C-alpha atoms as a PDB file:
ATOM      1  CA  MET A   1      -3.318  21.519 -28.840  1.00  0.00           C
ATOM      2  CA  ASP A   2      -4.949  18.244 -29.753  1.00  0.00           C
ATOM      3  CA  PRO A   3      -7.473  17.245 -27.023  1.00  0.00           C
ATOM      4  CA  LYS A   4      -5.810  13.826 -26.801  1.00  0.00           C
ATOM      5  CA  ASP A   5      -2.443  15.467 -26.161  1.00  0.00           C
ATOM      6  CA  GLU A   6      -4.018  17.685 -23.533  1.00  0.00           C
ATOM      7  CA  THR A   7      -5.473  14.639 -21.779  1.00  0.00           C
ATOM      8  CA  LYS A   8      -2.128  12.882 -21.864  1.00  0.00           C
ATOM      9  CA  THR A   9      -0.349  15.970 -20.499  1.00  0.00           C
ATOM     10  CA  SER A  10      -2.830  16.425 -17.664  1.00  0.00           C
ATOM     11  CA  THR A  11      -2.428  12.771 -16.715  1.00  0.00           C
ATOM     12  CA  PHE A  12       1.313  13.161 -16.327  1.00  0.00           C
ATOM     13  CA  ASP A  13       0.965  16.426 -14.360  1.00  0.00           C
ATOM     14  CA  SER A  14      -1.659  15.183 -11.944  1.00  0.00           C
ATOM     15  CA  PRO A  15      -1.295  16.891  -8.552  1.00  0.00           C
ATOM     16  CA  VAL A  16      -1.888  15.325  -5.156  1.00  0.00           C
ATOM     17  CA  CYS A  17      -5.199  16.707  -3.936  1.00  0.00           C
ATOM     18  CA  VAL A  18      -6.287  17.621  -0.435  1.00  0.00           C
ATOM     19  CA  HIS A  19      -9.914  18.489   0.247  1.00  0.00           C
ATOM     20  CA  ASN A  20      -9.684  20.689   3.330  1.00  0.00           C
ATOM     21  CA  PRO A  21     -10.155  24.500   3.145  1.00  0.00           C
ATOM     22  CA  HIS A  22      -8.958  24.818   6.749  1.00  0.00           C
ATOM     23  CA  LEU A  23      -5.405  24.000   5.701  1.00  0.00           C
ATOM     24  CA  ASP A  24      -5.219  27.357   3.918  1.00  0.00           C
ATOM     25  CA  LEU A  25      -5.682  29.090   7.266  1.00  0.00           C
ATOM     26  CA  LEU A  26      -2.698  27.398   8.897  1.00  0.00           C
ATOM     27  CA  LYS A  27       0.513  29.382   9.209  1.00  0.00           C
ATOM     28  CA  ASP A  28       2.452  26.145   9.570  1.00  0.00           C
ATOM     29  CA  ASP A  29       1.162  22.625   8.932  1.00  0.00           C
ATOM     30  CA  ILE A  30       2.771  20.307  11.476  1.00  0.00           C
ATOM     31  CA  LEU A  31       2.938  16.687  10.335  1.00  0.00           C
ATOM     32  CA  TYR A  32       3.203  15.545  13.920  1.00  0.00           C
ATOM     33  CA  HIS A  33       3.555  11.786  13.452  1.00  0.00           C
ATOM     34  CA  PHE A  34       6.337  12.306  10.879  1.00  0.00           C
ATOM     35  CA  SER A  35       8.143  14.949  12.937  1.00  0.00           C
ATOM     36  CA  LEU A  36       8.034  17.178   9.846  1.00  0.00           C
ATOM     37  CA  GLY A  37       6.305  20.468   9.043  1.00  0.00           C
ATOM     38  CA  THR A  38       5.961  23.235   6.504  1.00  0.00           C
ATOM     39  CA  GLY A  39       7.508  25.769   8.895  1.00  0.00           C
ATOM     40  CA  THR A  40      10.483  23.642   9.906  1.00  0.00           C
ATOM     41  CA  HIS A  41      11.334  21.762   6.699  1.00  0.00           C
ATOM     42  CA  ASN A  42      11.645  22.637   3.013  1.00  0.00           C
ATOM     43  CA  LEU A  43       9.257  19.934   1.829  1.00  0.00           C
ATOM     44  CA  PRO A  44       9.489  20.771  -1.917  1.00  0.00           C
ATOM     45  CA  ALA A  45      13.279  20.476  -1.755  1.00  0.00           C
ATOM     46  CA  MET A  46      13.130  17.255   0.256  1.00  0.00           C
ATOM     47  CA  PHE A  47      10.304  15.487  -1.564  1.00  0.00           C
ATOM     48  CA  GLY A  48       9.413  17.403  -4.729  1.00  0.00           C
ATOM     49  CA  ASP A  49      10.932  14.753  -7.026  1.00  0.00           C
ATOM     50  CA  VAL A  50       8.956  11.832  -5.548  1.00  0.00           C
ATOM     51  CA  LYS A  51       7.090   9.787  -8.172  1.00  0.00           C
ATOM     52  CA  PHE A  52       6.704   6.453  -6.387  1.00  0.00           C
ATOM     53  CA  VAL A  53       5.643   5.855  -2.800  1.00  0.00           C
ATOM     54  CA  CYS A  54       5.721   2.376  -1.292  1.00  0.00           C
ATOM     55  CA  VAL A  55       4.121   1.786   2.093  1.00  0.00           C
ATOM     56  CA  GLY A  56       4.171  -1.283   4.308  1.00  0.00           C
ATOM     57  CA  GLY A  57       3.534  -2.298   7.879  1.00  0.00           C
ATOM     58  CA  SER A  58       6.938  -2.615   9.518  1.00  0.00           C
ATOM     59  CA  PRO A  59       9.806  -0.094   9.600  1.00  0.00           C
ATOM     60  CA  TRP A  60      12.270  -2.961   9.037  1.00  0.00           C
ATOM     61  CA  ARG A  61      10.489  -4.050   5.852  1.00  0.00           C
ATOM     62  CA  MET A  62      10.415  -0.527   4.449  1.00  0.00           C
ATOM     63  CA  LYS A  63      14.103   0.028   5.136  1.00  0.00           C
ATOM     64  CA  ALA A  64      14.831  -3.296   3.447  1.00  0.00           C
ATOM     65  CA  PHE A  65      12.750  -2.131   0.486  1.00  0.00           C
ATOM     66  CA  ILE A  66      14.641   1.150   0.070  1.00  0.00           C
ATOM     67  CA  LYS A  67      17.947  -0.745   0.115  1.00  0.00           C
ATOM     68  CA  TYR A  68      16.587  -3.158  -2.474  1.00  0.00           C
ATOM     69  CA  ILE A  69      15.208  -0.489  -4.816  1.00  0.00           C
ATOM     70  CA  ALA A  70      18.395   1.584  -4.502  1.00  0.00           C
ATOM     71  CA  ALA A  71      20.396  -1.409  -5.747  1.00  0.00           C
ATOM     72  CA  GLU A  72      17.875  -2.114  -8.525  1.00  0.00           C
ATOM     73  CA  LEU A  73      18.052   1.488  -9.749  1.00  0.00           C
ATOM     74  CA  GLY A  74      21.831   1.727  -9.418  1.00  0.00           C
ATOM     75  CA  MET A  75      21.505   4.419  -6.752  1.00  0.00           C
ATOM     76  CA  GLU A  76      22.977   2.509  -3.813  1.00  0.00           C
ATOM     77  CA  ASP A  77      25.591   4.226  -1.708  1.00  0.00           C
ATOM     78  CA  PRO A  78      27.916   1.876   0.206  1.00  0.00           C
ATOM     79  CA  GLN A  79      28.625   4.711   2.630  1.00  0.00           C
ATOM     80  CA  SER A  80      24.946   5.377   3.357  1.00  0.00           C
ATOM     81  CA  ASP A  81      22.787   3.655   5.943  1.00  0.00           C
ATOM     82  CA  TYR A  82      19.664   5.319   4.485  1.00  0.00           C
ATOM     83  CA  PRO A  83      18.720   7.424   7.508  1.00  0.00           C
ATOM     84  CA  ASN A  84      15.158   7.498   8.790  1.00  0.00           C
ATOM     85  CA  ILE A  85      13.687  10.859   7.757  1.00  0.00           C
ATOM     86  CA  CYS A  86      11.175  10.542  10.623  1.00  0.00           C
ATOM     87  CA  ALA A  87      13.846   9.884  13.247  1.00  0.00           C
ATOM     88  CA  GLY A  88      12.257  12.515  15.495  1.00  0.00           C
ATOM     89  CA  THR A  89       9.324  10.188  16.178  1.00  0.00           C
ATOM     90  CA  ASP A  90       8.859   6.489  16.854  1.00  0.00           C
ATOM     91  CA  ARG A  91       5.447   6.277  15.167  1.00  0.00           C
ATOM     92  CA  TYR A  92       6.517   5.747  11.556  1.00  0.00           C
ATOM     93  CA  ALA A  93       9.718   5.355   9.567  1.00  0.00           C
ATOM     94  CA  MET A  94      10.451   6.988   6.211  1.00  0.00           C
ATOM     95  CA  TYR A  95      13.289   6.451   3.723  1.00  0.00           C
ATOM     96  CA  LYS A  96      14.030   7.961   0.333  1.00  0.00           C
ATOM     97  CA  VAL A  97      16.266   7.246  -2.628  1.00  0.00           C
ATOM     98  CA  GLY A  98      15.881   9.193  -5.879  1.00  0.00           C
ATOM     99  CA  PRO A  99      12.189   9.429  -6.814  1.00  0.00           C
ATOM    100  CA  VAL A 100      11.155   6.601  -4.460  1.00  0.00           C
ATOM    101  CA  LEU A 101       9.763   7.135  -0.962  1.00  0.00           C
ATOM    102  CA  SER A 102       9.346   4.204   1.435  1.00  0.00           C
ATOM    103  CA  VAL A 103       7.114   4.633   4.512  1.00  0.00           C
ATOM    104  CA  SER A 104       5.940   2.300   7.270  1.00  0.00           C
ATOM    105  CA  HIS A 105       2.294   2.459   8.315  1.00  0.00           C
ATOM    106  CA  GLY A 106       1.917   0.147  11.287  1.00  0.00           C
ATOM    107  CA  MET A 107      -0.871  -2.396  11.606  1.00  0.00           C
ATOM    108  CA  GLY A 108      -4.565  -1.886  10.916  1.00  0.00           C
ATOM    109  CA  ILE A 109      -6.879   0.781   9.528  1.00  0.00           C
ATOM    110  CA  PRO A 110      -6.407   3.459  12.252  1.00  0.00           C
ATOM    111  CA  SER A 111      -2.611   3.373  11.981  1.00  0.00           C
ATOM    112  CA  ILE A 112      -2.414   3.527   8.183  1.00  0.00           C
ATOM    113  CA  ALA A 113      -5.145   6.206   8.051  1.00  0.00           C
ATOM    114  CA  ILE A 114      -3.171   8.551  10.305  1.00  0.00           C
ATOM    115  CA  MET A 115      -0.064   7.979   8.219  1.00  0.00           C
ATOM    116  CA  LEU A 116      -1.920   8.581   4.945  1.00  0.00           C
ATOM    117  CA  HIS A 117      -3.403  11.883   6.104  1.00  0.00           C
ATOM    118  CA  GLU A 118       0.078  13.225   6.772  1.00  0.00           C
ATOM    119  CA  LEU A 119       1.666  11.553   3.738  1.00  0.00           C
ATOM    120  CA  ILE A 120      -0.942  13.028   1.376  1.00  0.00           C
ATOM    121  CA  LYS A 121      -0.431  16.476   2.908  1.00  0.00           C
ATOM    122  CA  LEU A 122       3.351  16.045   2.629  1.00  0.00           C
ATOM    123  CA  LEU A 123       3.113  15.205  -1.081  1.00  0.00           C
ATOM    124  CA  HIS A 124       0.715  18.130  -1.591  1.00  0.00           C
ATOM    125  CA  HIS A 125       2.961  20.630   0.219  1.00  0.00           C
ATOM    126  CA  ALA A 126       5.962  19.307  -1.730  1.00  0.00           C
ATOM    127  CA  HIS A 127       4.087  20.010  -5.014  1.00  0.00           C
ATOM    128  CA  CYS A 128       4.537  16.419  -6.164  1.00  0.00           C
ATOM    129  CA  THR A 129       2.803  15.373  -9.383  1.00  0.00           C
ATOM    130  CA  ASP A 130       2.066  12.088 -11.145  1.00  0.00           C
ATOM    131  CA  VAL A 131       2.613  10.023  -8.004  1.00  0.00           C
ATOM    132  CA  THR A 132       1.993   6.273  -7.866  1.00  0.00           C
ATOM    133  CA  ILE A 133       1.534   4.724  -4.427  1.00  0.00           C
ATOM    134  CA  ILE A 134       1.671   1.001  -3.704  1.00  0.00           C
ATOM    135  CA  ARG A 135       1.075  -0.860  -0.462  1.00  0.00           C
ATOM    136  CA  ILE A 136       3.274  -3.948  -0.153  1.00  0.00           C
ATOM    137  CA  GLY A 137       2.602  -6.497   2.539  1.00  0.00           C
ATOM    138  CA  THR A 138       1.527  -9.930   3.688  1.00  0.00           C
ATOM    139  CA  SER A 139      -1.880 -11.568   3.895  1.00  0.00           C
ATOM    140  CA  GLY A 140      -3.772 -14.791   4.349  1.00  0.00           C
ATOM    141  CA  GLY A 141      -4.927 -16.436   1.130  1.00  0.00           C
ATOM    142  CA  ILE A 142      -8.203 -18.166   0.343  1.00  0.00           C
ATOM    143  CA  GLY A 143      -7.676 -21.200  -1.845  1.00  0.00           C
ATOM    144  CA  LEU A 144      -4.294 -19.992  -3.074  1.00  0.00           C
ATOM    145  CA  LYS A 145      -0.922 -21.666  -2.776  1.00  0.00           C
ATOM    146  CA  PRO A 146       1.217 -19.979  -0.077  1.00  0.00           C
ATOM    147  CA  GLY A 147       3.636 -17.547  -1.678  1.00  0.00           C
ATOM    148  CA  THR A 148       1.137 -16.386  -4.294  1.00  0.00           C
ATOM    149  CA  VAL A 149       1.122 -12.614  -4.780  1.00  0.00           C
ATOM    150  CA  VAL A 150      -2.277 -10.908  -4.953  1.00  0.00           C
ATOM    151  CA  VAL A 151      -2.730  -7.564  -6.705  1.00  0.00           C
ATOM    152  CA  THR A 152      -5.981  -6.136  -5.375  1.00  0.00           C
ATOM    153  CA  LYS A 153      -8.849  -5.408  -7.747  1.00  0.00           C
ATOM    154  CA  GLN A 154     -11.212  -4.094  -5.094  1.00  0.00           C
ATOM    155  CA  SER A 155     -10.985  -3.940  -1.349  1.00  0.00           C
ATOM    156  CA  VAL A 156     -14.115  -5.353   0.288  1.00  0.00           C
ATOM    157  CA  ASP A 157     -15.291  -5.317   3.883  1.00  0.00           C
ATOM    158  CA  ALA A 158     -16.050  -8.320   6.079  1.00  0.00           C
ATOM    159  CA  THR A 159     -19.471  -8.643   4.417  1.00  0.00           C
ATOM    160  CA  PHE A 160     -17.772  -8.750   0.988  1.00  0.00           C
ATOM    161  CA  LEU A 161     -19.002  -5.279  -0.067  1.00  0.00           C
ATOM    162  CA  PRO A 162     -16.590  -2.867  -1.847  1.00  0.00           C
ATOM    163  CA  LYS A 163     -16.810   0.024   0.585  1.00  0.00           C
ATOM    164  CA  PHE A 164     -15.060   1.750   3.468  1.00  0.00           C
ATOM    165  CA  GLU A 165     -17.236   3.135   6.257  1.00  0.00           C
ATOM    166  CA  GLN A 166     -16.119   5.814   8.689  1.00  0.00           C
ATOM    167  CA  VAL A 167     -18.101   7.649  11.356  1.00  0.00           C
ATOM    168  CA  ILE A 168     -17.544  11.421  11.024  1.00  0.00           C
ATOM    169  CA  LEU A 169     -19.381  13.794  13.384  1.00  0.00           C
ATOM    170  CA  GLY A 170     -21.606  10.914  14.430  1.00  0.00           C
ATOM    171  CA  LYS A 171     -22.653  10.065  10.874  1.00  0.00           C
ATOM    172  CA  THR A 172     -21.537   7.090   8.791  1.00  0.00           C
ATOM    173  CA  VAL A 173     -19.711   8.126   5.635  1.00  0.00           C
ATOM    174  CA  VAL A 174     -19.261   5.485   2.925  1.00  0.00           C
ATOM    175  CA  ARG A 175     -16.337   5.758   0.521  1.00  0.00           C
ATOM    176  CA  ASN A 176     -15.372   3.904  -2.645  1.00  0.00           C
ATOM    177  CA  THR A 177     -12.575   1.326  -2.491  1.00  0.00           C
ATOM    178  CA  ASP A 178     -11.759   0.897  -6.188  1.00  0.00           C
ATOM    179  CA  LEU A 179      -8.101   0.779  -7.131  1.00  0.00           C
ATOM    180  CA  ASP A 180      -6.409   1.644 -10.430  1.00  0.00           C
ATOM    181  CA  GLN A 181      -7.116  -1.301 -12.742  1.00  0.00           C
ATOM    182  CA  CYS A 182      -4.561  -0.263 -15.368  1.00  0.00           C
ATOM    183  CA  LEU A 183      -1.884  -0.206 -12.677  1.00  0.00           C
ATOM    184  CA  ALA A 184      -2.985  -3.656 -11.480  1.00  0.00           C
ATOM    185  CA  GLU A 185      -2.667  -5.027 -15.017  1.00  0.00           C
ATOM    186  CA  GLU A 186       0.767  -3.434 -15.429  1.00  0.00           C
ATOM    187  CA  LEU A 187       1.918  -5.111 -12.209  1.00  0.00           C
ATOM    188  CA  LEU A 188       0.534  -8.441 -13.397  1.00  0.00           C
ATOM    189  CA  GLN A 189       2.455  -8.041 -16.655  1.00  0.00           C
ATOM    190  CA  CYS A 190       5.651  -7.362 -14.678  1.00  0.00           C
ATOM    191  CA  SER A 191       5.096 -10.609 -12.793  1.00  0.00           C
ATOM    192  CA  LYS A 192       4.758 -12.494 -16.072  1.00  0.00           C
ATOM    193  CA  GLU A 193       8.016 -10.976 -17.275  1.00  0.00           C
ATOM    194  CA  LEU A 194       9.780 -11.904 -14.022  1.00  0.00           C
ATOM    195  CA  ASN A 195       8.364 -15.449 -14.136  1.00  0.00           C
ATOM    196  CA  GLN A 196       9.505 -16.114 -10.563  1.00  0.00           C
ATOM    197  CA  PHE A 197       6.219 -16.652  -8.654  1.00  0.00           C
ATOM    198  CA  ASP A 198       2.465 -16.870  -9.160  1.00  0.00           C
ATOM    199  CA  THR A 199       0.551 -13.584  -9.223  1.00  0.00           C
ATOM    200  CA  VAL A 200      -3.205 -13.047  -9.489  1.00  0.00           C
ATOM    201  CA  ILE A 201      -5.603 -10.101  -9.535  1.00  0.00           C
ATOM    202  CA  GLY A 202      -8.529 -10.458  -7.143  1.00  0.00           C
ATOM    203  CA  ASN A 203     -10.530  -8.885  -4.354  1.00  0.00           C
ATOM    204  CA  THR A 204      -8.963  -8.347  -0.950  1.00  0.00           C
ATOM    205  CA  MET A 205     -11.013  -8.489   2.228  1.00  0.00           C
ATOM    206  CA  CYS A 206     -10.016  -5.837   4.751  1.00  0.00           C
ATOM    207  CA  THR A 207     -10.927  -6.613   8.356  1.00  0.00           C
ATOM    208  CA  LEU A 208     -10.789  -4.727  11.649  1.00  0.00           C
ATOM    209  CA  ASP A 209      -9.054  -7.552  13.488  1.00  0.00           C
ATOM    210  CA  PHE A 210      -6.500 -10.322  12.967  1.00  0.00           C
ATOM    211  CA  TYR A 211      -8.325 -13.031  14.912  1.00  0.00           C
ATOM    212  CA  GLU A 212     -12.127 -13.144  15.158  1.00  0.00           C
ATOM    213  CA  GLY A 213     -12.539 -10.649  12.324  1.00  0.00           C
ATOM    214  CA  GLN A 214     -10.669 -13.057  10.035  1.00  0.00           C
ATOM    215  CA  ALA A 215     -12.490 -16.183  11.305  1.00  0.00           C
ATOM    216  CA  ARG A 216      -9.443 -17.560  13.090  1.00  0.00           C
ATOM    217  CA  LEU A 217      -9.853 -20.334  15.640  1.00  0.00           C
ATOM    218  CA  ASP A 218      -6.672 -19.561  17.609  1.00  0.00           C
ATOM    219  CA  GLY A 219      -7.427 -16.234  19.306  1.00  0.00           C
ATOM    220  CA  ALA A 220      -8.063 -15.641  23.001  1.00  0.00           C
ATOM    221  CA  PHE A 221     -11.789 -15.730  22.243  1.00  0.00           C
ATOM    222  CA  CYS A 222     -13.769 -17.749  19.689  1.00  0.00           C
ATOM    223  CA  SER A 223     -17.526 -18.340  19.648  1.00  0.00           C
ATOM    224  CA  TYR A 224     -17.809 -20.277  16.368  1.00  0.00           C
ATOM    225  CA  SER A 225     -16.942 -23.711  15.031  1.00  0.00           C
ATOM    226  CA  GLU A 226     -14.525 -24.966  12.382  1.00  0.00           C
ATOM    227  CA  LYS A 227     -17.541 -25.481  10.115  1.00  0.00           C
ATOM    228  CA  ASP A 228     -18.676 -21.883  10.686  1.00  0.00           C
ATOM    229  CA  LYS A 229     -15.204 -20.693   9.746  1.00  0.00           C
ATOM    230  CA  GLN A 230     -15.055 -22.807   6.601  1.00  0.00           C
ATOM    231  CA  ASP A 231     -18.541 -21.712   5.514  1.00  0.00           C
ATOM    232  CA  TYR A 232     -17.599 -18.051   5.923  1.00  0.00           C
ATOM    233  CA  LEU A 233     -14.274 -18.297   4.094  1.00  0.00           C
ATOM    234  CA  ASN A 234     -15.889 -20.285   1.283  1.00  0.00           C
ATOM    235  CA  ARG A 235     -18.535 -17.552   0.916  1.00  0.00           C
ATOM    236  CA  ALA A 236     -15.705 -15.025   0.758  1.00  0.00           C
ATOM    237  CA  GLY A 237     -14.022 -17.038  -2.001  1.00  0.00           C
ATOM    238  CA  GLU A 238     -17.284 -17.245  -3.927  1.00  0.00           C
ATOM    239  CA  ALA A 239     -17.509 -13.434  -3.678  1.00  0.00           C
ATOM    240  CA  GLY A 240     -14.132 -13.148  -5.409  1.00  0.00           C
ATOM    241  CA  VAL A 241     -11.990 -12.646  -2.307  1.00  0.00           C
ATOM    242  CA  CYS A 242      -8.458 -13.966  -2.815  1.00  0.00           C
ATOM    243  CA  ASN A 243      -6.815 -12.765   0.381  1.00  0.00           C
ATOM    244  CA  ILE A 244      -7.356 -11.084   3.744  1.00  0.00           C
ATOM    245  CA  GLU A 245      -5.476  -8.209   5.390  1.00  0.00           C
ATOM    246  CA  MET A 246      -6.225  -5.124   7.517  1.00  0.00           C
ATOM    247  CA  GLU A 247      -5.372  -1.922   5.624  1.00  0.00           C
ATOM    248  CA  SER A 248      -6.536  -1.991   1.997  1.00  0.00           C
ATOM    249  CA  SER A 249      -9.998  -0.411   2.367  1.00  0.00           C
ATOM    250  CA  VAL A 250      -8.940   2.902   3.871  1.00  0.00           C
ATOM    251  CA  PHE A 251      -5.832   2.919   1.667  1.00  0.00           C
ATOM    252  CA  ALA A 252      -7.960   2.594  -1.482  1.00  0.00           C
ATOM    253  CA  ALA A 253     -10.519   5.157  -0.288  1.00  0.00           C
ATOM    254  CA  MET A 254      -7.999   7.835   0.698  1.00  0.00           C
ATOM    255  CA  CYS A 255      -5.828   7.391  -2.394  1.00  0.00           C
ATOM    256  CA  LYS A 256      -8.879   7.711  -4.639  1.00  0.00           C
ATOM    257  CA  LEU A 257      -9.946  10.923  -2.867  1.00  0.00           C
ATOM    258  CA  SER A 258      -6.491  12.440  -3.286  1.00  0.00           C
ATOM    259  CA  GLY A 259      -6.074  11.481  -6.940  1.00  0.00           C
ATOM    260  CA  LEU A 260      -3.213   9.085  -6.297  1.00  0.00           C
ATOM    261  CA  ARG A 261      -2.733   6.150  -8.652  1.00  0.00           C
ATOM    262  CA  ALA A 262      -2.779   3.263  -6.202  1.00  0.00           C
ATOM    263  CA  ALA A 263      -2.324  -0.488  -5.906  1.00  0.00           C
ATOM    264  CA  VAL A 264      -2.132  -3.097  -3.150  1.00  0.00           C
ATOM    265  CA  VAL A 265       0.354  -5.951  -3.599  1.00  0.00           C
ATOM    266  CA  CYS A 266       0.374  -8.603  -0.878  1.00  0.00           C
ATOM    267  CA  VAL A 267       1.859 -12.072  -0.704  1.00  0.00           C
ATOM    268  CA  THR A 268      -0.160 -14.874   0.880  1.00  0.00           C
ATOM    269  CA  LEU A 269       1.694 -16.589   3.724  1.00  0.00           C
ATOM    270  CA  LEU A 270      -0.789 -19.449   4.080  1.00  0.00           C
ATOM    271  CA  ASP A 271      -4.079 -20.804   2.764  1.00  0.00           C
ATOM    272  CA  ARG A 272      -6.644 -19.934   5.425  1.00  0.00           C
ATOM    273  CA  LEU A 273      -8.878 -22.799   4.328  1.00  0.00           C
ATOM    274  CA  LYS A 274      -6.154 -25.156   5.592  1.00  0.00           C
ATOM    275  CA  GLY A 275      -5.229 -23.474   8.861  1.00  0.00           C
ATOM    276  CA  ASP A 276      -4.700 -20.346  10.930  1.00  0.00           C
ATOM    277  CA  GLN A 277      -1.093 -20.489  12.108  1.00  0.00           C
ATOM    278  CA  LEU A 278       2.091 -20.144  10.097  1.00  0.00           C
ATOM    279  CA  SER A 279       3.959 -23.426   9.834  1.00  0.00           C
ATOM    280  CA  SER A 280       6.475 -22.543   7.113  1.00  0.00           C
ATOM    281  CA  SER A 281      10.108 -22.056   8.090  1.00  0.00           C
ATOM    282  CA  SER A 282      11.485 -18.577   8.688  1.00  0.00           C
ATOM    283  CA  GLU A 283      13.567 -18.945   5.516  1.00  0.00           C
ATOM    284  CA  VAL A 284      10.495 -19.730   3.411  1.00  0.00           C
ATOM    285  CA  LEU A 285       8.499 -16.880   4.974  1.00  0.00           C
ATOM    286  CA  HIS A 286      11.378 -14.481   4.331  1.00  0.00           C
ATOM    287  CA  ASP A 287      11.401 -15.528   0.677  1.00  0.00           C
ATOM    288  CA  TYR A 288       7.646 -14.990   0.441  1.00  0.00           C
ATOM    289  CA  GLN A 289       7.928 -11.513   1.965  1.00  0.00           C
ATOM    290  CA  GLN A 290      10.486 -10.498  -0.665  1.00  0.00           C
ATOM    291  CA  ARG A 291       8.062 -11.157  -3.516  1.00  0.00           C
ATOM    292  CA  PRO A 292       5.948  -7.964  -3.336  1.00  0.00           C
ATOM    293  CA  GLN A 293       9.075  -5.800  -3.251  1.00  0.00           C
ATOM    294  CA  VAL A 294      10.603  -7.708  -6.176  1.00  0.00           C
ATOM    295  CA  LEU A 295       7.428  -7.181  -8.215  1.00  0.00           C
ATOM    296  CA  VAL A 296       7.083  -3.507  -7.307  1.00  0.00           C
ATOM    297  CA  GLY A 297      10.800  -2.959  -7.870  1.00  0.00           C
ATOM    298  CA  CYS A 298      10.436  -4.408 -11.350  1.00  0.00           C
ATOM    299  CA  TYR A 299       7.504  -2.073 -12.048  1.00  0.00           C
ATOM    300  CA  ILE A 300       9.342   1.048 -10.839  1.00  0.00           C
ATOM    301  CA  LYS A 301      12.472   0.187 -12.813  1.00  0.00           C
ATOM    302  CA  LYS A 302      10.395  -0.442 -15.944  1.00  0.00           C
ATOM    303  CA  GLN A 303       8.578   2.882 -15.570  1.00  0.00           C
ATOM    304  CA  LEU A 304      11.774   4.869 -15.048  1.00  0.00           C
ATOM    305  CA  ASN A 305      13.457   3.182 -18.024  1.00  0.00           C
ATOM    306  CA  ALA A 306      10.443   3.992 -20.207  1.00  0.00           C
ATOM    307  CA  LYS A 307      10.560   7.619 -19.053  1.00  0.00           C
ATOM    308  CA  ALA A 308      14.271   7.824 -19.853  1.00  0.00           C
ATOM    309  CA  VAL A 309      13.566   6.570 -23.395  1.00  0.00           C
ATOM    310  CA  ARG A 310      10.784   9.151 -23.862  1.00  0.00           C
ATOM    311  CA  ASN A 311      13.085  11.944 -22.729  1.00  0.00           C
END
């Protein structure tokens, strides 16, 4: 076999990796927060065909996404309400249609990290290969027109450094937060083809908090001035930060460790240089929130059509 062909083949058969020898010692692996498990569910039969995973904060948004992508792919069922696969728990919600899995992750790093541990194990136990995972969500922009979609280049921390830090056994472990640049460019190209809204590639700042951690002036506590806020956000912009949210760093780090091709696609609901609170109407905000799913839906449809042509 030609080495180039071998490389191409291995790329399209890439497994989902776990790095934990202790899992081999478990008789059953209970995915507690999903109310699923290897001893109680046939995970390969349920999820073995998954090629695209989309995750987002709210259960409502992820159910709306699965309905949208089902219609886009011509897989909608008028008789189906798309049942929540994780109905046995109230922690997360999960929906599936064809090769697309849609999962909620809650708000903030701890919540999405718990979900990702169990999602990565689920995909591993299901023997899934060549999986692309995309976080879709909302964010605050820096110097961008509200409604602009940001595809993340790198996730940076609140000091503008591209890293995710976690304390494990009392020691700080630093992990890389790079995301798949080819995937980011493919998503940008899809946006150009759609020609419906502005999309940029840039760095995303991931914070531990919605208020003080994002330099807001409207929280219960605030020990800094408007000038302090503006100086900080301007420094962030100079460091290449286009938007702010609360999940991208651990998402990027864990996906990279597991070999998942990953992207973060978030719409900006406001320009944080001009304010902290949302003043747009509910109709406008609803339109903004549809944009990441429209872009990702376009990408998934394009990929599946290309695969159908190859086959």
